[in-house]
N, C-alpha and C. Protein backbone atom coordinates (compact mmCIF):
# COMPACT_ATOMS: atom_id res chain seq x y z
N MET A 1 17.72 0.66 5.82
CA MET A 1 16.94 0.39 6.42
C MET A 1 17.73 -1.34 6.16
N THR A 2 17.78 -2.04 6.84
CA THR A 2 18.18 -3.21 7.93
C THR A 2 16.92 -4.14 7.75
N LYS A 3 17.17 -5.62 7.75
CA LYS A 3 15.92 -6.51 7.29
C LYS A 3 15.16 -6.62 7.76
N GLU A 4 15.28 -6.20 9.92
CA GLU A 4 14.58 -6.08 10.95
C GLU A 4 13.64 -5.00 11.03
N GLN A 5 14.45 -3.77 10.67
CA GLN A 5 14.04 -2.69 10.50
C GLN A 5 12.79 -2.33 9.34
N LEU A 6 13.07 -3.53 8.07
CA LEU A 6 11.69 -3.86 7.34
C LEU A 6 11.35 -3.86 7.76
N LEU A 7 11.33 -5.33 8.21
CA LEU A 7 10.27 -6.49 8.92
C LEU A 7 9.51 -5.73 10.00
N ALA A 8 9.69 -5.10 10.57
CA ALA A 8 9.18 -4.29 11.86
C ALA A 8 8.45 -2.95 10.96
N GLU A 9 8.54 -2.71 10.17
CA GLU A 9 8.51 -1.38 9.58
C GLU A 9 7.62 -2.16 8.91
N ILE A 10 6.53 -3.58 8.24
CA ILE A 10 5.92 -4.37 6.92
C ILE A 10 5.18 -4.81 8.82
N GLU A 11 5.79 -5.56 9.46
CA GLU A 11 4.11 -5.90 10.68
C GLU A 11 3.45 -4.78 11.05
N ASP A 12 4.08 -3.48 11.53
CA ASP A 12 2.94 -2.61 11.19
C ASP A 12 2.22 -1.38 10.95
N LEU A 13 2.42 -2.38 9.27
CA LEU A 13 2.08 -1.28 8.10
C LEU A 13 0.66 -2.40 8.25
N LEU A 14 1.34 -3.50 8.51
CA LEU A 14 -0.30 -5.04 8.20
C LEU A 14 -1.00 -4.50 10.11
N ARG A 15 -0.07 -4.30 10.21
CA ARG A 15 -1.45 -4.29 11.71
C ARG A 15 -2.40 -2.16 11.40
N SER A 16 -1.58 -1.68 11.09
CA SER A 16 -2.75 -0.46 10.47
C SER A 16 -4.22 -0.49 9.55
N MET A 17 -3.44 -2.00 8.56
CA MET A 17 -4.63 -1.58 7.70
C MET A 17 -5.18 -1.03 7.81
N PRO A 18 -5.95 -0.22 7.24
CA PRO A 18 -7.70 -0.55 6.92
C PRO A 18 -8.35 -1.00 6.39
N PRO A 19 -10.07 -0.80 6.65
CA PRO A 19 -10.66 -2.03 6.74
C PRO A 19 -10.41 -2.48 4.71
N ARG A 20 -11.16 -3.29 4.25
CA ARG A 20 -10.39 -4.31 2.97
C ARG A 20 -12.37 -4.01 2.56
N GLN A 21 -12.73 -2.97 3.07
CA GLN A 21 -14.31 -2.66 2.28
C GLN A 21 -14.26 -1.41 2.47
N THR A 22 -13.66 -0.47 3.03
CA THR A 22 -13.15 1.10 2.48
C THR A 22 -11.85 1.30 2.18
N ILE A 23 -10.92 0.41 1.33
CA ILE A 23 -9.52 0.34 1.57
C ILE A 23 -9.64 1.47 -0.27
N ARG A 24 -10.62 0.70 -1.40
CA ARG A 24 -10.23 1.85 -2.00
C ARG A 24 -11.38 3.21 -2.29
N HIS A 25 -11.59 2.83 -1.11
CA HIS A 25 -12.49 4.90 -1.22
C HIS A 25 -10.49 5.45 -1.60
N GLU A 26 -11.01 6.93 -1.36
CA GLU A 26 -9.44 8.19 -1.43
C GLU A 26 -10.19 9.30 -0.35
N ILE A 27 -9.65 8.69 0.51
CA ILE A 27 -9.37 8.96 2.02
C ILE A 27 -8.00 9.43 1.77
N ASP A 28 -7.91 10.58 2.49
CA ASP A 28 -5.99 10.88 3.59
C ASP A 28 -5.27 9.62 3.77
N LYS A 29 -5.98 8.56 5.01
CA LYS A 29 -5.20 7.66 5.66
C LYS A 29 -5.50 6.18 4.45
N ASN A 30 -6.77 6.33 3.43
CA ASN A 30 -6.19 4.97 2.72
C ASN A 30 -4.70 5.03 2.18
N LEU A 31 -4.77 6.61 1.65
CA LEU A 31 -4.37 6.94 0.54
C LEU A 31 -2.82 6.76 0.98
N SER A 32 -2.66 7.38 2.29
CA SER A 32 -0.70 7.29 3.16
C SER A 32 -0.97 5.78 2.95
N TRP A 33 -1.89 5.25 3.52
CA TRP A 33 -1.37 3.12 3.85
C TRP A 33 -1.04 3.40 1.92
N LEU A 34 -1.15 3.13 1.82
CA LEU A 34 -0.74 3.00 -0.01
C LEU A 34 0.12 4.18 -0.08
N GLY A 35 0.87 4.96 -0.41
CA GLY A 35 1.81 5.12 0.06
C GLY A 35 2.75 4.67 0.60
N ARG A 36 2.49 3.79 1.17
CA ARG A 36 3.37 4.31 2.61
C ARG A 36 3.23 2.78 2.56
N ALA A 37 2.62 1.25 1.98
CA ALA A 37 2.93 0.73 1.30
C ALA A 37 4.11 0.61 0.20
N SER A 38 3.55 0.59 -0.42
CA SER A 38 4.82 0.97 -1.66
C SER A 38 5.81 1.12 -1.40
N ALA A 39 6.02 2.27 -0.71
CA ALA A 39 7.58 1.89 -0.02
C ALA A 39 7.76 1.43 0.42
N LEU A 40 7.47 0.31 0.81
CA LEU A 40 7.97 0.06 2.27
C LEU A 40 8.50 -1.94 0.42
N ILE A 41 7.98 -1.59 -0.14
CA ILE A 41 7.40 -2.93 -0.65
C ILE A 41 8.49 -2.58 -1.85
N GLU A 42 9.12 -1.72 -1.97
CA GLU A 42 10.08 -1.12 -2.78
C GLU A 42 11.32 -1.25 -2.35
N GLN A 43 11.69 -0.82 -1.15
CA GLN A 43 12.59 -1.03 -0.33
C GLN A 43 12.77 -3.17 -0.17
N TRP A 44 12.24 -4.04 0.09
CA TRP A 44 11.87 -4.90 -0.05
C TRP A 44 12.26 -5.50 -0.98
N SER A 45 11.36 -4.91 -2.61
CA SER A 45 12.26 -5.54 -3.80
C SER A 45 10.97 -4.57 -4.68
N PRO A 46 12.57 -3.81 -5.31
CA PRO A 46 12.52 -3.06 -6.49
C PRO A 46 11.47 -3.47 -7.61
N PRO A 47 11.03 -5.25 -8.35
CA PRO A 47 10.86 -4.81 -8.98
C PRO A 47 8.58 -5.36 -8.63
N LYS A 48 8.81 -6.48 -7.88
CA LYS A 48 8.30 -6.16 -6.66
C LYS A 48 6.95 -5.30 -6.89
N ALA A 49 7.98 -3.70 -6.91
CA ALA A 49 7.16 -2.52 -5.65
C ALA A 49 5.66 -2.17 -7.33
N LEU A 50 7.06 -2.78 -9.03
CA LEU A 50 6.65 -2.66 -9.80
C LEU A 50 4.56 -3.40 -10.33
N LEU A 51 4.90 -4.31 -9.85
CA LEU A 51 3.59 -4.97 -10.07
C LEU A 51 2.45 -4.08 -9.24
N PHE A 52 2.91 -3.49 -7.77
CA PHE A 52 2.62 -3.51 -6.91
C PHE A 52 1.67 -1.88 -7.38
N ARG A 53 2.82 -1.65 -7.95
CA ARG A 53 1.64 0.27 -8.67
C ARG A 53 1.13 0.36 -9.53
N GLU A 54 1.46 -1.16 -10.34
CA GLU A 54 0.33 -1.23 -11.71
C GLU A 54 -0.90 -2.01 -10.85
N TYR A 55 -1.32 -2.73 -9.69
CA TYR A 55 -2.20 -2.76 -9.40
C TYR A 55 -3.23 -2.03 -8.47
N LEU A 56 -2.30 -1.09 -7.61
CA LEU A 56 -2.66 0.38 -7.52
C LEU A 56 -3.20 0.83 -8.62
N ASN A 57 -2.46 1.46 -10.25
CA ASN A 57 -3.15 1.78 -10.87
C ASN A 57 -5.37 0.53 -11.68
N GLN A 58 -4.91 -0.45 -11.62
CA GLN A 58 -5.68 -0.93 -11.18
C GLN A 58 -7.39 -0.88 -10.45
N LEU A 59 -6.76 -0.96 -9.63
CA LEU A 59 -7.58 -0.48 -8.31
C LEU A 59 -8.26 0.92 -8.52
N GLN A 60 -7.63 2.44 -9.11
CA GLN A 60 -8.06 3.38 -8.92
C GLN A 60 -8.57 2.89 -10.03
N VAL A 61 -9.14 2.91 -11.71
CA VAL A 61 -9.30 2.34 -12.64
C VAL A 61 -10.25 1.83 -12.56
N ARG A 62 -10.68 0.41 -11.97
CA ARG A 62 -12.17 0.20 -11.26
C ARG A 62 -13.12 0.79 -10.13
N TYR A 63 -12.36 1.53 -9.32
CA TYR A 63 -13.71 2.38 -8.20
C TYR A 63 -13.40 3.96 -8.64
N ALA A 64 -13.14 4.29 -9.35
CA ALA A 64 -13.05 5.49 -10.16
C ALA A 64 -14.38 6.16 -9.70
N GLY A 65 -14.75 7.59 -8.76
CA GLY A 65 -15.88 7.88 -9.37
C GLY A 65 -16.98 7.76 -8.34
N ARG A 66 -17.03 6.01 -7.75
CA ARG A 66 -17.57 5.24 -6.77
C ARG A 66 -16.82 5.62 -5.88
N PRO A 67 -18.22 5.53 -4.69
CA PRO A 67 -18.73 6.20 -3.00
C PRO A 67 -17.29 5.05 -2.54
């Protein structure tokens, strides 16, 4: 993926971000978006992808079982 393609994908990702109030809900749309974000960050910077995955784990632990 070229830098230009990656930038276009990231811009699209940001436009399609789920609402901040509901991004923690474990619904298919949110999980898909977070997976796509993780994949794009991996393309951009593998070390930052590790950190992002750690943040996702913390998010999951913090909100596990909450609506």
